[in-house]
Amino acid sequence: MPGFALAQASDQSRCLGARPENFARPQADSARSADRPAVSALSPTPNWVLDELIQLAFDCNPGLRAARAGARAATASITTARTIANPDVEVLPSRFRPRPGAQPLGGAGTITGVSQRLENPALRGARIGAARAGAEVAGFELSASEQGLAAAVRVRFFDLLRRQEELGAARDDRALVEQIRARINVSVEQGESPRFDLLRADAEVAIAQRQEARARSRVAEGRALLRQIIGPALGEGFSARGDYFAKLAPPDSAALHAAVVRINPELRRAIAEEQRAERIVALERSQRWPSVSFRLSNEREPEQNIVRAGVALALPIWDRRSGPIREAIAQLERRRAEAEQRRFELARAVEVAWQQYRSALDGVALLEGAALEDASAAVRVAEAAYRAGERGILELLDARRQLRAVRSELISAQFDLYVALAELDRLAATAVPTLPADAP
C-alpha cells in the first residue's frame, strides 16, 4: 500500500517549522513540471512548489495521519485473527473433614485440570481471510485519502498561483494607468489636452488601485485556504512558485479509462469490501460446526489418584447462526451492488472530467491566440493614436480595459484547466496519461 511506504518517525519533526528546503522533492511529471532552482534557506518568504506542498501535506495533515493509524490497526487485526486461544488451568484444593465417629482416612485432596479449545481449521481460515480483506480495505481507503488530499492541494496550489497572477496583472495595470495619468497631466499643464481627460485618468487610477488591493486580499485568502488543507505547519507569509501558463498536452482518453479501472483506490476499495463480505459469509457458516475442547484433569484423594482425559463438544443445536448468516449474505449483495455502482460512477466521472479538461484546453488555446493578440494590438494602436493626437483618452482606456478583461479570462481558463487535470489525477490515482504534443 502506498501509505505504508511513508516514514512514520519523521512526520512530527518535519511538521515543526516546515520550510521548502527541509523536504525531499519527488521527481515531477515531465509533461507538466520542469526543474526549478532550490529555495534559499535565508529567504524571508518561503516559495513552495507543488511537489513540496504535497509532501508536506502527506507528512503533516492530521486526517491523513489518522487514516494511516486506521490502516495499521487493520493490519494488526490479522495478527489477532491468527492468535490461538489460551488454555484454561484449574486448581481446586480441598479440605478433608471426617464425620463425627468416623475414622480419619488421610489428608486433603486436590483437583487439577487443563482445558484447551481446539479450533476448527475452516473457522480459523475464514477469520484470517476476513481480517486480511479488512486490511486491504483499509489500505485502499488510505490510498484514496492520499489521492484526495493530493488533488485538493493541487487545486489550492494553482488557485494561489492564479491569485498571484491576478495580483501581478493588477499591479501592471495600476502602473500603466499611472503612467498614462502622468502623461495626461503634462498635456493638461501645457494646454494640449482638456482637464476632463485628467479627471478620467484619476478615476482610472483609483479603480486600478482598488483592484490591486482586492487582488492582494484574494492572495491572502488563497494562502489561508491552502494552509487549511495542509495544516499549521505551512506557516504564514508563504507564496506558490511555478509556471502558471505551462503548456499541457491533451490526456489520452483510452489510457486514462484503463488506469481508472486498474488502480483507482475507490474502485479497488469497493471490490475489497465485496471480498471481505464473502469472507464474512464463510466465517458465519463455519461457526455452525461444533467446537471441540480437549480436557485433562488429575484428582488426588486420600485413597486414590484419578486421571481423566477427554473432549468436550459445544453442539450448535439451538443457535444455528441462521440470523448472522442471512445478515452476512445481505451485506454481500449490498457490497456487490455498491461495487457495480462505483464502476458506473467512475466511468461517468472520468468522462465528465475529460470533457472539462478538453474544453478548458481549447479555451486557453483560443484566448492565448487571437483574442490576446487582438487585444494587445488594439492597445498599441490606441496608444500610438493617442500620442499622435488622433484619439482621445477614452479610446485608450477602453482598449486597456478590453486587454485586462481578456487577460483575466485567460487566467480563469488556465485555472479551470488545472482543476480538471487535478480531478483526472485523482481518478486515475497517478499522473494522467497524455498524448504527444502533435497528436490531434
Protein backbone atom coordinates (compact mmCIF):
# COMPACT_ATOMS: atom_id res chain seq x y z
CA MET A 1 0.00 0.00 0.00
CA PRO A 2 1.42 3.43 -0.85
CA GLY A 3 0.55 4.84 2.54
CA PHE A 4 2.69 2.30 4.39
CA ALA A 5 5.81 3.39 2.50
CA LEU A 6 5.88 6.78 4.20
CA ALA A 7 8.21 7.09 7.17
CA GLN A 8 6.27 7.46 10.38
CA ALA A 9 9.06 8.53 12.71
CA SER A 10 9.93 11.75 10.90
CA ASP A 11 6.39 13.09 10.39
CA GLN A 12 6.23 15.14 13.58
CA SER A 13 9.74 16.58 13.17
CA ARG A 14 9.01 17.66 9.60
CA CYS A 15 5.79 19.32 10.65
CA LEU A 16 7.58 21.59 13.12
CA GLY A 17 8.99 24.67 11.47
CA ALA A 18 8.50 23.27 7.99
CA ARG A 19 10.24 25.08 5.15
CA PRO A 20 10.64 24.10 1.50
CA GLU A 21 14.34 23.25 1.85
CA ASN A 22 13.54 20.63 4.52
CA PHE A 23 11.66 18.36 2.16
CA ALA A 24 12.86 15.87 -0.40
CA ARG A 25 11.19 16.82 -3.65
CA PRO A 26 9.80 13.89 -5.70
CA GLN A 27 10.51 13.90 -9.41
CA ALA A 28 7.70 15.77 -11.14
CA ASP A 29 5.91 14.55 -14.23
CA SER A 30 7.91 15.68 -17.26
CA ALA A 31 4.80 16.74 -19.15
CA ARG A 32 3.77 19.29 -16.55
CA SER A 33 6.81 20.24 -14.44
CA ALA A 34 10.34 21.40 -15.06
CA ASP A 35 13.43 21.57 -12.89
CA ARG A 36 13.28 24.56 -10.59
CA PRO A 37 16.06 26.13 -8.52
CA ALA A 38 16.22 25.35 -4.83
CA VAL A 39 14.82 27.84 -2.35
CA SER A 40 17.35 29.69 -0.26
CA ALA A 41 17.16 29.00 3.45
CA LEU A 42 17.60 32.72 4.03
CA SER A 43 14.53 33.64 2.01
CA PRO A 44 12.18 35.64 4.25
CA THR A 45 9.14 34.39 2.33
CA PRO A 46 9.18 30.64 1.59
CA ASN A 47 8.35 29.83 -2.03
CA TRP A 48 6.75 26.41 -2.28
CA VAL A 49 6.48 24.31 -5.42
CA LEU A 50 3.67 21.80 -5.86
CA ASP A 51 5.64 18.63 -5.02
CA GLU A 52 6.92 20.15 -1.78
CA LEU A 53 3.43 21.10 -0.67
CA ILE A 54 2.06 17.63 -1.44
CA GLN A 55 4.89 16.05 0.55
CA LEU A 56 4.25 18.44 3.43
CA ALA A 57 0.54 17.58 3.37
CA PHE A 58 1.33 13.86 3.41
CA ASP A 59 3.58 14.35 6.42
CA CYS A 60 1.51 16.81 8.44
CA ASN A 61 -2.18 16.52 7.55
CA PRO A 62 -3.99 15.26 10.69
CA GLY A 63 -6.69 13.46 8.73
CA LEU A 64 -4.14 11.50 6.73
CA ARG A 65 -2.23 10.57 9.87
CA ALA A 66 -5.48 9.23 11.33
CA ALA A 67 -6.05 7.20 8.15
CA ARG A 68 -2.56 5.72 8.46
CA ALA A 69 -3.27 4.73 12.07
CA GLY A 70 -6.50 3.05 10.96
CA ALA A 71 -4.61 1.11 8.29
CA ARG A 72 -2.05 -0.05 10.85
CA ALA A 73 -4.85 -1.14 13.19
CA ALA A 74 -6.46 -3.13 10.37
CA THR A 75 -3.12 -4.82 9.66
CA ALA A 76 -2.74 -5.69 13.34
CA SER A 77 -6.14 -7.40 13.22
CA ILE A 78 -4.56 -10.13 11.06
CA THR A 79 -2.27 -10.99 13.96
CA THR A 80 -5.29 -11.03 16.24
CA ALA A 81 -7.10 -13.42 13.90
CA ARG A 82 -4.13 -15.80 13.87
CA THR A 83 -3.93 -15.95 17.67
CA ILE A 84 -4.52 -19.35 19.28
CA ALA A 85 -6.79 -19.41 22.30
CA ASN A 86 -5.05 -19.71 25.67
CA PRO A 87 -5.59 -22.86 27.77
CA ASP A 88 -7.66 -22.80 30.95
CA VAL A 89 -5.98 -24.21 34.05
CA GLU A 90 -7.94 -25.12 37.20
CA VAL A 91 -6.51 -25.95 40.61
CA LEU A 92 -9.14 -26.84 43.23
CA PRO A 93 -7.63 -27.72 46.63
CA SER A 94 -10.00 -29.37 49.09
CA ARG A 95 -10.06 -29.86 52.84
CA PHE A 96 -10.86 -33.27 54.29
CA ARG A 97 -13.03 -33.31 57.44
CA PRO A 98 -14.41 -36.75 58.55
CA ARG A 99 -17.89 -37.19 60.05
CA PRO A 100 -18.14 -37.49 63.83
CA GLY A 101 -17.25 -41.01 64.92
CA ALA A 102 -15.62 -41.93 61.60
CA GLN A 103 -12.01 -42.96 61.32
CA PRO A 104 -9.83 -40.39 59.51
CA LEU A 105 -8.50 -41.84 56.27
CA GLY A 106 -5.91 -39.28 55.15
CA GLY A 107 -5.15 -35.67 54.31
CA ALA A 108 -6.84 -33.24 51.91
CA GLY A 109 -7.30 -33.80 48.17
CA THR A 110 -6.59 -31.60 45.13
CA ILE A 111 -8.19 -31.44 41.66
CA THR A 112 -6.00 -30.10 38.84
CA GLY A 113 -7.40 -29.60 35.34
CA VAL A 114 -6.29 -28.21 31.96
CA SER A 115 -8.68 -27.33 29.12
CA GLN A 116 -7.60 -26.30 25.61
CA ARG A 117 -10.04 -25.29 22.89
CA LEU A 118 -9.23 -26.92 19.53
CA GLU A 119 -10.31 -24.53 16.80
CA ASN A 120 -11.90 -25.71 13.58
CA PRO A 121 -9.36 -25.10 10.74
CA ALA A 122 -12.14 -23.86 8.45
CA LEU A 123 -13.26 -21.34 11.08
CA ARG A 124 -9.71 -20.17 11.66
CA GLY A 125 -9.01 -19.77 7.94
CA ALA A 126 -12.24 -17.83 7.41
CA ARG A 127 -11.45 -15.50 10.29
CA ILE A 128 -7.93 -14.82 8.98
CA GLY A 129 -9.28 -14.27 5.47
CA ALA A 130 -11.82 -11.74 6.74
CA ALA A 131 -9.06 -9.89 8.64
CA ARG A 132 -6.84 -9.78 5.56
CA ALA A 133 -9.69 -8.46 3.45
CA GLY A 134 -10.32 -5.79 6.08
CA ALA A 135 -6.66 -4.78 5.96
CA GLU A 136 -6.89 -4.47 2.16
CA VAL A 137 -9.96 -2.28 2.51
CA ALA A 138 -8.14 -0.03 5.00
CA GLY A 139 -5.14 0.18 2.68
CA PHE A 140 -7.27 1.26 -0.26
CA GLU A 141 -9.07 3.77 1.96
CA LEU A 142 -5.68 5.21 2.85
CA SER A 143 -4.73 5.38 -0.83
CA ALA A 144 -8.00 7.14 -1.63
CA SER A 145 -7.34 9.62 1.19
CA GLU A 146 -3.86 10.31 -0.15
CA GLN A 147 -5.11 10.85 -3.68
CA GLY A 148 -7.93 13.09 -2.49
CA LEU A 149 -5.55 15.14 -0.38
CA ALA A 150 -3.06 15.47 -3.25
CA ALA A 151 -5.84 16.61 -5.59
CA ALA A 152 -7.05 19.18 -3.05
CA VAL A 153 -3.51 20.52 -2.61
CA ARG A 154 -3.11 20.77 -6.39
CA VAL A 155 -6.34 22.76 -6.74
CA ARG A 156 -5.45 25.14 -3.90
CA PHE A 157 -1.87 25.50 -5.15
CA PHE A 158 -2.98 26.55 -8.62
CA ASP A 159 -5.69 28.70 -7.08
CA LEU A 160 -2.98 30.56 -5.17
CA LEU A 161 -0.92 30.82 -8.36
CA ARG A 162 -3.98 32.23 -10.13
CA ARG A 163 -4.48 34.83 -7.41
CA GLN A 164 -0.80 35.76 -7.59
CA GLU A 165 -1.10 36.17 -11.37
CA GLU A 166 -4.16 38.36 -10.85
CA LEU A 167 -2.23 40.45 -8.34
CA GLY A 168 0.66 40.82 -10.80
CA ALA A 169 -1.75 41.83 -13.56
CA ALA A 170 -3.41 44.34 -11.24
CA ARG A 171 -0.04 45.86 -10.37
CA ASP A 172 0.87 46.15 -14.05
CA ASP A 173 -2.47 47.78 -14.82
CA ARG A 174 -2.06 50.24 -11.98
CA ALA A 175 1.48 51.14 -13.08
CA LEU A 176 0.39 51.64 -16.70
CA VAL A 177 -2.62 53.73 -15.73
CA GLU A 178 -0.41 55.86 -13.53
CA GLN A 179 1.98 56.37 -16.44
CA ILE A 180 -0.93 57.38 -18.68
CA ARG A 181 -2.16 59.74 -15.99
CA ALA A 182 1.29 61.34 -15.72
CA ARG A 183 1.43 61.93 -19.48
CA ILE A 184 -2.08 63.40 -19.45
CA ASN A 185 -1.13 65.67 -16.58
CA VAL A 186 1.78 67.02 -18.59
CA SER A 187 -0.50 67.58 -21.59
CA VAL A 188 -3.08 69.36 -19.45
CA GLU A 189 -0.46 71.63 -17.88
CA GLN A 190 0.82 72.51 -21.35
CA GLY A 191 -2.71 73.19 -22.55
CA GLU A 192 -2.68 70.40 -25.13
CA SER A 193 -5.50 68.37 -23.53
CA PRO A 194 -8.67 69.34 -21.66
CA ARG A 195 -8.82 68.95 -17.89
CA PHE A 196 -11.63 66.42 -18.35
CA ASP A 197 -9.03 63.88 -19.57
CA LEU A 198 -7.13 64.29 -16.29
CA LEU A 199 -10.30 63.64 -14.30
CA ARG A 200 -10.95 60.44 -16.25
CA ALA A 201 -7.36 59.35 -15.72
CA ASP A 202 -7.65 59.99 -11.95
CA ALA A 203 -10.78 57.84 -11.86
CA GLU A 204 -8.99 55.04 -13.73
CA VAL A 205 -6.06 55.23 -11.30
CA ALA A 206 -8.44 54.93 -8.33
CA ILE A 207 -10.12 51.92 -9.96
CA ALA A 208 -6.75 50.25 -10.62
CA GLN A 209 -5.66 50.83 -7.03
CA ARG A 210 -8.86 49.27 -5.69
CA GLN A 211 -8.42 46.28 -7.97
CA GLU A 212 -4.86 45.82 -6.77
CA ALA A 213 -5.97 45.97 -3.13
CA ARG A 214 -8.72 43.45 -3.85
CA ALA A 215 -6.24 41.14 -5.61
CA ARG A 216 -3.87 41.40 -2.63
CA SER A 217 -6.69 40.35 -0.29
CA ARG A 218 -7.50 37.41 -2.56
CA VAL A 219 -3.89 36.24 -2.37
CA ALA A 220 -4.08 36.26 1.43
CA GLU A 221 -7.33 34.31 1.20
CA GLY A 222 -5.69 31.78 -1.11
CA ARG A 223 -2.88 31.28 1.40
CA ALA A 224 -5.42 30.64 4.14
CA LEU A 225 -7.31 28.09 2.04
CA LEU A 226 -4.12 26.20 1.23
CA ARG A 227 -2.99 26.30 4.85
CA GLN A 228 -6.39 24.97 5.90
CA ILE A 229 -5.77 21.79 3.88
CA ILE A 230 -2.13 21.20 4.84
CA GLY A 231 -2.21 22.35 8.44
CA PRO A 232 -0.42 24.83 10.67
CA ALA A 233 2.99 23.50 9.58
CA LEU A 234 2.75 25.63 6.43
CA GLY A 235 3.16 28.81 8.43
CA GLU A 236 2.31 32.32 7.30
CA GLY A 237 3.50 34.64 4.56
CA PHE A 238 4.43 31.97 2.00
CA SER A 239 3.92 32.01 -1.74
CA ALA A 240 3.46 29.47 -4.52
CA ARG A 241 6.12 29.11 -7.20
CA GLY A 242 5.54 27.59 -10.61
CA ASP A 243 4.87 28.21 -14.29
CA TYR A 244 1.18 29.02 -14.28
CA PHE A 245 0.91 29.16 -18.07
CA ALA A 246 2.79 25.92 -18.74
CA LYS A 247 1.87 24.10 -21.93
CA LEU A 248 -0.12 20.94 -21.16
CA ALA A 249 -0.60 18.04 -23.53
CA PRO A 250 -4.13 16.65 -24.00
CA PRO A 251 -4.90 13.49 -21.99
CA ASP A 252 -5.08 10.05 -23.58
CA SER A 253 -8.70 9.02 -23.04
CA ALA A 254 -8.16 5.29 -23.57
CA ALA A 255 -5.15 5.10 -21.24
CA LEU A 256 -7.00 7.21 -18.69
CA HIS A 257 -10.00 4.86 -18.58
CA ALA A 258 -7.67 1.87 -18.31
CA ALA A 259 -5.79 3.44 -15.39
CA VAL A 260 -9.04 4.19 -13.55
CA VAL A 261 -10.28 0.61 -13.89
CA ARG A 262 -6.90 -0.84 -12.92
CA ILE A 263 -5.66 1.24 -10.00
CA ASN A 264 -8.35 3.64 -8.80
CA PRO A 265 -8.29 3.20 -5.00
CA GLU A 266 -12.01 3.88 -4.54
CA LEU A 267 -12.96 1.18 -7.01
CA ARG A 268 -10.43 -1.25 -5.55
CA ARG A 269 -11.77 -0.49 -2.09
CA ALA A 270 -15.30 -1.34 -3.26
CA ILE A 271 -14.02 -4.63 -4.71
CA ALA A 272 -12.13 -5.36 -1.47
CA GLU A 273 -15.32 -4.66 0.50
CA GLU A 274 -17.10 -7.23 -1.63
CA GLN A 275 -14.35 -9.78 -1.00
CA ARG A 276 -14.44 -9.09 2.73
CA ALA A 277 -18.21 -9.64 2.72
CA GLU A 278 -17.62 -13.03 1.07
CA ARG A 279 -15.11 -13.94 3.80
CA ILE A 280 -17.59 -12.92 6.49
CA VAL A 281 -20.25 -15.18 4.96
CA ALA A 282 -17.78 -18.07 5.06
CA LEU A 283 -16.88 -17.16 8.64
CA GLU A 284 -20.51 -17.19 9.79
CA ARG A 285 -21.20 -20.51 8.07
CA SER A 286 -18.11 -22.14 9.57
CA GLN A 287 -19.35 -21.25 13.07
CA ARG A 288 -22.21 -23.73 12.67
CA TRP A 289 -19.80 -26.61 13.18
CA PRO A 290 -19.31 -27.99 16.72
CA SER A 291 -16.38 -26.57 18.65
CA VAL A 292 -14.05 -29.04 20.37
CA SER A 293 -12.14 -28.61 23.62
CA PHE A 294 -9.56 -31.06 24.99
CA ARG A 295 -9.71 -31.56 28.75
CA LEU A 296 -7.23 -33.21 31.11
CA SER A 297 -7.67 -33.42 34.88
CA ASN A 298 -5.95 -35.08 37.82
CA GLU A 299 -7.92 -35.68 41.02
CA ARG A 300 -5.96 -36.66 44.12
CA GLU A 301 -7.81 -38.14 47.08
CA PRO A 302 -6.56 -39.71 50.27
CA GLU A 303 -7.09 -43.26 48.94
CA GLN A 304 -6.58 -42.85 45.17
CA ASN A 305 -5.30 -40.72 42.29
CA ILE A 306 -7.70 -40.31 39.33
CA VAL A 307 -6.60 -39.05 35.91
CA ARG A 308 -9.29 -38.06 33.39
CA ALA A 309 -8.81 -37.07 29.72
CA GLY A 310 -11.37 -36.36 27.05
CA VAL A 311 -13.03 -33.85 24.77
CA ALA A 312 -15.97 -31.51 25.18
CA LEU A 313 -18.24 -30.60 22.27
CA ALA A 314 -20.23 -27.37 22.04
CA LEU A 315 -23.16 -28.50 19.88
CA PRO A 316 -24.97 -25.81 17.84
CA ILE A 317 -28.41 -27.24 18.48
CA TRP A 318 -30.44 -24.16 19.32
CA ASP A 319 -28.29 -21.49 17.70
CA ARG A 320 -27.64 -22.44 14.07
CA ARG A 321 -26.32 -18.95 13.16
CA SER A 322 -29.17 -18.53 10.71
CA GLY A 323 -29.68 -14.86 11.54
CA PRO A 324 -26.00 -13.80 11.23
CA ILE A 325 -25.63 -15.85 8.03
CA ARG A 326 -28.61 -14.18 6.38
CA GLU A 327 -27.30 -10.80 7.50
CA ALA A 328 -23.86 -11.55 6.05
CA ILE A 329 -25.41 -12.67 2.74
CA ALA A 330 -27.43 -9.46 2.56
CA GLN A 331 -24.29 -7.42 3.22
CA LEU A 332 -22.54 -9.33 0.43
CA GLU A 333 -25.30 -8.47 -2.02
CA ARG A 334 -25.10 -4.86 -0.91
CA ARG A 335 -21.33 -4.71 -1.44
CA ARG A 336 -21.67 -6.22 -4.90
CA ALA A 337 -24.26 -3.61 -5.86
CA GLU A 338 -22.09 -0.83 -4.45
CA ALA A 339 -19.05 -2.04 -6.41
CA GLU A 340 -21.08 -2.09 -9.61
CA GLN A 341 -22.44 1.39 -8.87
CA ARG A 342 -18.93 2.65 -8.17
CA ARG A 343 -17.73 1.35 -11.54
CA PHE A 344 -20.52 3.22 -13.28
CA GLU A 345 -19.92 6.43 -11.31
CA LEU A 346 -16.19 6.39 -12.01
CA ALA A 347 -16.76 5.88 -15.72
CA ARG A 348 -19.09 8.87 -15.83
CA ALA A 349 -16.79 10.99 -13.64
CA VAL A 350 -13.83 10.29 -15.91
CA GLU A 351 -15.86 11.21 -18.98
CA VAL A 352 -17.05 14.48 -17.43
CA ALA A 353 -13.59 15.46 -16.17
CA TRP A 354 -12.02 14.58 -19.51
CA GLN A 355 -14.53 16.73 -21.41
CA GLN A 356 -13.97 19.60 -18.99
CA TYR A 357 -10.23 19.32 -19.50
CA ARG A 358 -10.52 19.34 -23.29
CA SER A 359 -12.93 22.27 -23.17
CA ALA A 360 -10.62 24.25 -20.88
CA LEU A 361 -7.63 23.37 -23.08
CA ASP A 362 -9.44 24.69 -26.16
CA GLY A 363 -10.46 27.83 -24.28
CA VAL A 364 -6.88 28.53 -23.21
CA ALA A 365 -5.62 27.99 -26.76
CA LEU A 366 -8.23 30.40 -28.10
CA LEU A 367 -7.50 33.11 -25.54
CA GLU A 368 -3.73 32.75 -25.87
CA GLY A 369 -4.03 33.08 -29.64
CA ALA A 370 -6.22 35.53 -31.49
CA ALA A 371 -8.06 37.09 -28.53
CA LEU A 372 -4.98 38.14 -26.56
CA GLU A 373 -3.08 39.21 -29.67
CA ASP A 374 -6.00 41.32 -30.94
CA ALA A 375 -6.47 43.00 -27.55
CA SER A 376 -2.74 43.75 -27.25
CA ALA A 377 -2.67 45.13 -30.81
CA ALA A 378 -5.67 47.32 -30.05
CA VAL A 379 -3.85 48.79 -27.05
CA ARG A 380 -0.74 49.51 -29.09
CA VAL A 381 -2.76 51.20 -31.81
CA ALA A 382 -4.72 53.25 -29.28
CA GLU A 383 -1.53 54.37 -27.53
CA ALA A 384 0.09 55.39 -30.82
CA ALA A 385 -3.06 57.25 -31.91
CA TYR A 386 -3.28 58.99 -28.54
CA ARG A 387 0.31 60.18 -28.76
CA ALA A 388 -0.33 61.44 -32.27
CA GLY A 389 -3.45 63.27 -31.11
CA GLU A 390 -5.73 61.22 -33.35
CA ARG A 391 -7.62 59.53 -30.49
CA GLY A 392 -8.71 60.67 -27.07
CA ILE A 393 -8.15 59.23 -23.62
CA LEU A 394 -11.45 57.33 -23.74
CA GLU A 395 -10.35 55.14 -26.64
CA LEU A 396 -7.06 54.34 -24.90
CA LEU A 397 -8.71 53.44 -21.60
CA ASP A 398 -11.31 51.29 -23.36
CA ALA A 399 -8.56 49.38 -25.13
CA ARG A 400 -6.77 48.88 -21.81
CA ARG A 401 -9.96 47.57 -20.19
CA GLN A 402 -10.51 45.14 -23.05
CA LEU A 403 -6.98 43.79 -22.70
CA ARG A 404 -7.44 43.46 -18.94
CA ALA A 405 -10.69 41.51 -19.46
CA VAL A 406 -9.07 39.12 -21.96
CA ARG A 407 -6.13 38.53 -19.64
CA SER A 408 -8.47 37.88 -16.72
CA GLU A 409 -10.39 35.36 -18.83
CA LEU A 410 -7.13 33.65 -19.74
CA ILE A 411 -6.10 33.35 -16.09
CA SER A 412 -9.51 31.86 -15.20
CA ALA A 413 -9.43 29.44 -18.14
CA GLN A 414 -5.96 28.24 -17.13
CA PHE A 415 -7.21 27.60 -13.61
CA ASP A 416 -10.16 25.59 -14.96
CA LEU A 417 -7.61 23.54 -16.88
CA TYR A 418 -5.65 22.76 -13.71
CA VAL A 419 -8.82 21.89 -11.77
CA ALA A 420 -9.87 19.38 -14.44
CA LEU A 421 -6.35 17.94 -14.50
CA ALA A 422 -6.33 17.53 -10.71
CA GLU A 423 -9.63 15.64 -10.90
CA LEU A 424 -8.24 13.37 -13.61
CA ASP A 425 -5.14 12.72 -11.49
CA ARG A 426 -7.35 11.81 -8.54
CA LEU A 427 -9.49 9.44 -10.58
CA ALA A 428 -6.52 7.77 -12.24
CA ALA A 429 -4.56 7.71 -8.94
CA THR A 430 -1.44 8.64 -10.90
CA ALA A 431 -0.15 11.19 -13.37
CA VAL A 432 -2.66 11.46 -16.19
CA PRO A 433 -1.50 9.69 -19.38
CA THR A 434 -1.07 12.30 -22.11
CA LEU A 435 -0.82 12.27 -25.86
CA PRO A 436 2.21 13.65 -27.75
CA ALA A 437 2.13 17.40 -28.29
CA ASP A 438 1.45 16.98 -32.03
CA ALA A 439 -1.41 14.49 -31.52
CA PRO A 440 -4.89 15.55 -32.71
